[in-house]
Amino acid sequence: MSKEFICIVCPNSCRITVQSEQKGNLNIQGAQCKKGEEFVENEIKNPLRIFTGSIRCKNGDYELVSVKTSKPVPKRLMQEIAQQIKSSEVKAPVEIGQVLVANIFDLKVDLVATRKVKLIKQK
């Protein structure tokens, strides 16, 4: 199997070709630095991404607050994280950087607010 990647770790944007060899070894060609090789290995074995989304916000000047994970999470868990926050709700006020869901799925990764939401006064 042969697959091509464009490395996104540094400005070089190397075109890296990977061939799987017998015994699970990888033949990586085209990386101009060690970071590129590590990037491709991670993309094949355990791809990670920053999750971004929104959570409903009660009593705020916005109905939704945008969120992201504090660190990259396994790509395979993106749908599960989305399902979990779909049924979640937070209360205003919310500050940028505020942890809204701590240690999601026991990954030692928090879901943090990326938008400020002010509390609106109830009549």
C-alpha atoms as a PDB file:
ATOM      1  CA  MET A   1       0.000   0.000   0.000  1.00  0.00           C
ATOM      2  CA  SER A   2       1.290   3.458  -0.898  1.00  0.00           C
ATOM      3  CA  LYS A   3      -0.163   6.722   0.374  1.00  0.00           C
ATOM      4  CA  GLU A   4       0.870  10.362   0.001  1.00  0.00           C
ATOM      5  CA  PHE A   5       0.632  13.033   2.691  1.00  0.00           C
ATOM      6  CA  ILE A   6       1.371  16.738   2.803  1.00  0.00           C
ATOM      7  CA  CYS A   7       2.956  17.516   6.138  1.00  0.00           C
ATOM      8  CA  ILE A   8       1.318  20.376   8.049  1.00  0.00           C
ATOM      9  CA  VAL A   9       3.766  20.582  10.950  1.00  0.00           C
ATOM     10  CA  CYS A  10       6.156  23.194   9.561  1.00  0.00           C
ATOM     11  CA  PRO A  11       6.234  25.652   6.627  1.00  0.00           C
ATOM     12  CA  ASN A  12       8.102  23.184   4.364  1.00  0.00           C
ATOM     13  CA  SER A  13       4.815  21.373   3.531  1.00  0.00           C
ATOM     14  CA  CYS A  14       6.733  18.264   2.466  1.00  0.00           C
ATOM     15  CA  ARG A  15       5.078  15.773   0.148  1.00  0.00           C
ATOM     16  CA  ILE A  16       5.685  12.529   1.978  1.00  0.00           C
ATOM     17  CA  THR A  17       5.106   9.095   0.486  1.00  0.00           C
ATOM     18  CA  VAL A  18       4.571   6.116   2.751  1.00  0.00           C
ATOM     19  CA  GLN A  19       4.662   2.479   1.762  1.00  0.00           C
ATOM     20  CA  SER A  20       3.656  -0.264   4.155  1.00  0.00           C
ATOM     21  CA  GLU A  21       6.111  -3.116   4.130  1.00  0.00           C
ATOM     22  CA  GLN A  22       5.738  -6.604   5.491  1.00  0.00           C
ATOM     23  CA  LYS A  23       5.871  -6.955   9.284  1.00  0.00           C
ATOM     24  CA  GLY A  24       4.121  -3.574   9.645  1.00  0.00           C
ATOM     25  CA  ASN A  25       7.203  -1.466   8.938  1.00  0.00           C
ATOM     26  CA  LEU A  26       6.743   1.861   7.165  1.00  0.00           C
ATOM     27  CA  ASN A  27       8.976   3.170   4.392  1.00  0.00           C
ATOM     28  CA  ILE A  28       8.707   6.980   4.646  1.00  0.00           C
ATOM     29  CA  GLN A  29      10.179   9.120   1.868  1.00  0.00           C
ATOM     30  CA  GLY A  30      10.159  12.845   1.197  1.00  0.00           C
ATOM     31  CA  ALA A  31      10.244  14.217   4.748  1.00  0.00           C
ATOM     32  CA  GLN A  32      12.746  17.053   5.077  1.00  0.00           C
ATOM     33  CA  CYS A  33      12.802  16.791   8.864  1.00  0.00           C
ATOM     34  CA  LYS A  34      12.092  14.365  11.707  1.00  0.00           C
ATOM     35  CA  LYS A  35       8.809  16.149  12.494  1.00  0.00           C
ATOM     36  CA  GLY A  36       7.446  15.142   9.090  1.00  0.00           C
ATOM     37  CA  GLU A  37       8.217  11.484   9.724  1.00  0.00           C
ATOM     38  CA  GLU A  38       6.527  11.674  13.151  1.00  0.00           C
ATOM     39  CA  PHE A  39       3.507  13.423  11.628  1.00  0.00           C
ATOM     40  CA  VAL A  40       3.010  10.685   9.035  1.00  0.00           C
ATOM     41  CA  GLU A  41       3.474   7.875  11.561  1.00  0.00           C
ATOM     42  CA  ASN A  42       0.831   9.456  13.796  1.00  0.00           C
ATOM     43  CA  GLU A  43      -1.528   9.993  10.845  1.00  0.00           C
ATOM     44  CA  ILE A  44      -1.328   6.299  10.017  1.00  0.00           C
ATOM     45  CA  LYS A  45      -1.354   4.816  13.514  1.00  0.00           C
ATOM     46  CA  ASN A  46      -3.425   7.275  15.572  1.00  0.00           C
ATOM     47  CA  PRO A  47      -4.603  10.431  13.780  1.00  0.00           C
ATOM     48  CA  LEU A  48      -5.335  13.314  16.158  1.00  0.00           C
ATOM     49  CA  ARG A  49      -7.439  16.438  15.646  1.00  0.00           C
ATOM     50  CA  ILE A  50      -8.645  19.440  17.623  1.00  0.00           C
ATOM     51  CA  PHE A  51     -12.413  19.102  18.049  1.00  0.00           C
ATOM     52  CA  THR A  52     -14.467  22.264  17.487  1.00  0.00           C
ATOM     53  CA  GLY A  53     -18.183  22.663  18.013  1.00  0.00           C
ATOM     54  CA  SER A  54     -20.906  24.480  19.954  1.00  0.00           C
ATOM     55  CA  ILE A  55     -22.820  23.934  23.186  1.00  0.00           C
ATOM     56  CA  ARG A  56     -26.195  25.452  24.015  1.00  0.00           C
ATOM     57  CA  CYS A  57     -26.008  28.325  26.465  1.00  0.00           C
ATOM     58  CA  LYS A  58     -28.841  29.222  28.827  1.00  0.00           C
ATOM     59  CA  ASN A  59     -29.598  32.853  29.792  1.00  0.00           C
ATOM     60  CA  GLY A  60     -26.866  34.269  27.575  1.00  0.00           C
ATOM     61  CA  ASP A  61     -26.694  36.952  24.932  1.00  0.00           C
ATOM     62  CA  TYR A  62     -25.941  34.104  22.505  1.00  0.00           C
ATOM     63  CA  GLU A  63     -27.801  30.784  22.348  1.00  0.00           C
ATOM     64  CA  LEU A  64     -24.623  28.874  21.540  1.00  0.00           C
ATOM     65  CA  VAL A  65     -21.073  29.055  22.818  1.00  0.00           C
ATOM     66  CA  SER A  66     -18.277  27.835  20.551  1.00  0.00           C
ATOM     67  CA  VAL A  67     -15.886  25.298  22.045  1.00  0.00           C
ATOM     68  CA  LYS A  68     -12.714  23.392  21.226  1.00  0.00           C
ATOM     69  CA  THR A  69     -10.628  20.719  22.875  1.00  0.00           C
ATOM     70  CA  SER A  70      -7.595  21.871  24.839  1.00  0.00           C
ATOM     71  CA  LYS A  71      -5.434  19.286  23.035  1.00  0.00           C
ATOM     72  CA  PRO A  72      -5.834  17.081  19.975  1.00  0.00           C
ATOM     73  CA  VAL A  73      -8.016  13.994  20.478  1.00  0.00           C
ATOM     74  CA  PRO A  74      -8.154  10.725  18.510  1.00  0.00           C
ATOM     75  CA  LYS A  75      -9.982  11.334  15.235  1.00  0.00           C
ATOM     76  CA  ARG A  76     -12.079   8.202  15.805  1.00  0.00           C
ATOM     77  CA  LEU A  77     -13.741   9.904  18.823  1.00  0.00           C
ATOM     78  CA  MET A  78     -14.968  13.042  17.011  1.00  0.00           C
ATOM     79  CA  GLN A  79     -18.529  11.763  16.491  1.00  0.00           C
ATOM     80  CA  GLU A  80     -18.805  10.570  20.093  1.00  0.00           C
ATOM     81  CA  ILE A  81     -17.663  13.937  21.436  1.00  0.00           C
ATOM     82  CA  ALA A  82     -20.186  15.686  19.173  1.00  0.00           C
ATOM     83  CA  GLN A  83     -22.964  13.413  20.459  1.00  0.00           C
ATOM     84  CA  GLN A  84     -22.029  14.094  24.078  1.00  0.00           C
ATOM     85  CA  ILE A  85     -22.071  17.873  23.726  1.00  0.00           C
ATOM     86  CA  LYS A  86     -25.251  17.798  21.624  1.00  0.00           C
ATOM     87  CA  SER A  87     -27.203  17.044  24.797  1.00  0.00           C
ATOM     88  CA  SER A  88     -25.165  19.431  26.984  1.00  0.00           C
ATOM     89  CA  GLU A  89     -26.046  22.918  28.131  1.00  0.00           C
ATOM     90  CA  VAL A  90     -24.095  25.540  30.062  1.00  0.00           C
ATOM     91  CA  LYS A  91     -25.260  28.635  31.893  1.00  0.00           C
ATOM     92  CA  ALA A  92     -24.110  32.150  31.140  1.00  0.00           C
ATOM     93  CA  PRO A  93     -21.849  33.942  31.828  1.00  0.00           C
ATOM     94  CA  VAL A  94     -19.074  32.139  29.962  1.00  0.00           C
ATOM     95  CA  GLU A  95     -15.525  33.418  29.522  1.00  0.00           C
ATOM     96  CA  ILE A  96     -13.083  32.559  26.741  1.00  0.00           C
ATOM     97  CA  GLY A  97     -10.874  29.702  27.926  1.00  0.00           C
ATOM     98  CA  GLN A  98     -13.367  28.558  30.570  1.00  0.00           C
ATOM     99  CA  VAL A  99     -13.481  24.766  30.942  1.00  0.00           C
ATOM    100  CA  LEU A 100     -17.028  23.674  30.095  1.00  0.00           C
ATOM    101  CA  VAL A 101     -16.461  19.903  30.091  1.00  0.00           C
ATOM    102  CA  ALA A 102     -13.475  18.615  32.069  1.00  0.00           C
ATOM    103  CA  ASN A 103     -11.538  15.473  31.142  1.00  0.00           C
ATOM    104  CA  ILE A 104     -13.808  14.431  28.291  1.00  0.00           C
ATOM    105  CA  PHE A 105     -13.871  10.627  27.857  1.00  0.00           C
ATOM    106  CA  ASP A 106     -11.031  10.337  30.413  1.00  0.00           C
ATOM    107  CA  LEU A 107      -8.579  11.644  27.791  1.00  0.00           C
ATOM    108  CA  LYS A 108      -7.104  14.327  30.094  1.00  0.00           C
ATOM    109  CA  VAL A 109      -8.458  16.843  27.592  1.00  0.00           C
ATOM    110  CA  ASP A 110     -10.918  19.609  28.414  1.00  0.00           C
ATOM    111  CA  LEU A 111     -13.571  21.256  26.274  1.00  0.00           C
ATOM    112  CA  VAL A 112     -13.018  25.019  26.554  1.00  0.00           C
ATOM    113  CA  ALA A 113     -15.054  28.027  25.471  1.00  0.00           C
ATOM    114  CA  THR A 114     -13.766  30.059  22.538  1.00  0.00           C
ATOM    115  CA  ARG A 115     -16.413  32.789  22.842  1.00  0.00           C
ATOM    116  CA  LYS A 116     -17.512  35.088  25.621  1.00  0.00           C
ATOM    117  CA  VAL A 117     -21.228  34.921  26.454  1.00  0.00           C
ATOM    118  CA  LYS A 118     -22.724  37.562  28.737  1.00  0.00           C
ATOM    119  CA  LEU A 119     -25.547  36.850  31.146  1.00  0.00           C
ATOM    120  CA  ILE A 120     -28.799  38.537  30.190  1.00  0.00           C
ATOM    121  CA  LYS A 121     -31.022  39.654  33.012  1.00  0.00           C
ATOM    122  CA  GLN A 122     -34.232  37.703  33.452  1.00  0.00           C
ATOM    123  CA  LYS A 123     -37.445  39.714  33.835  1.00  0.00           C
END
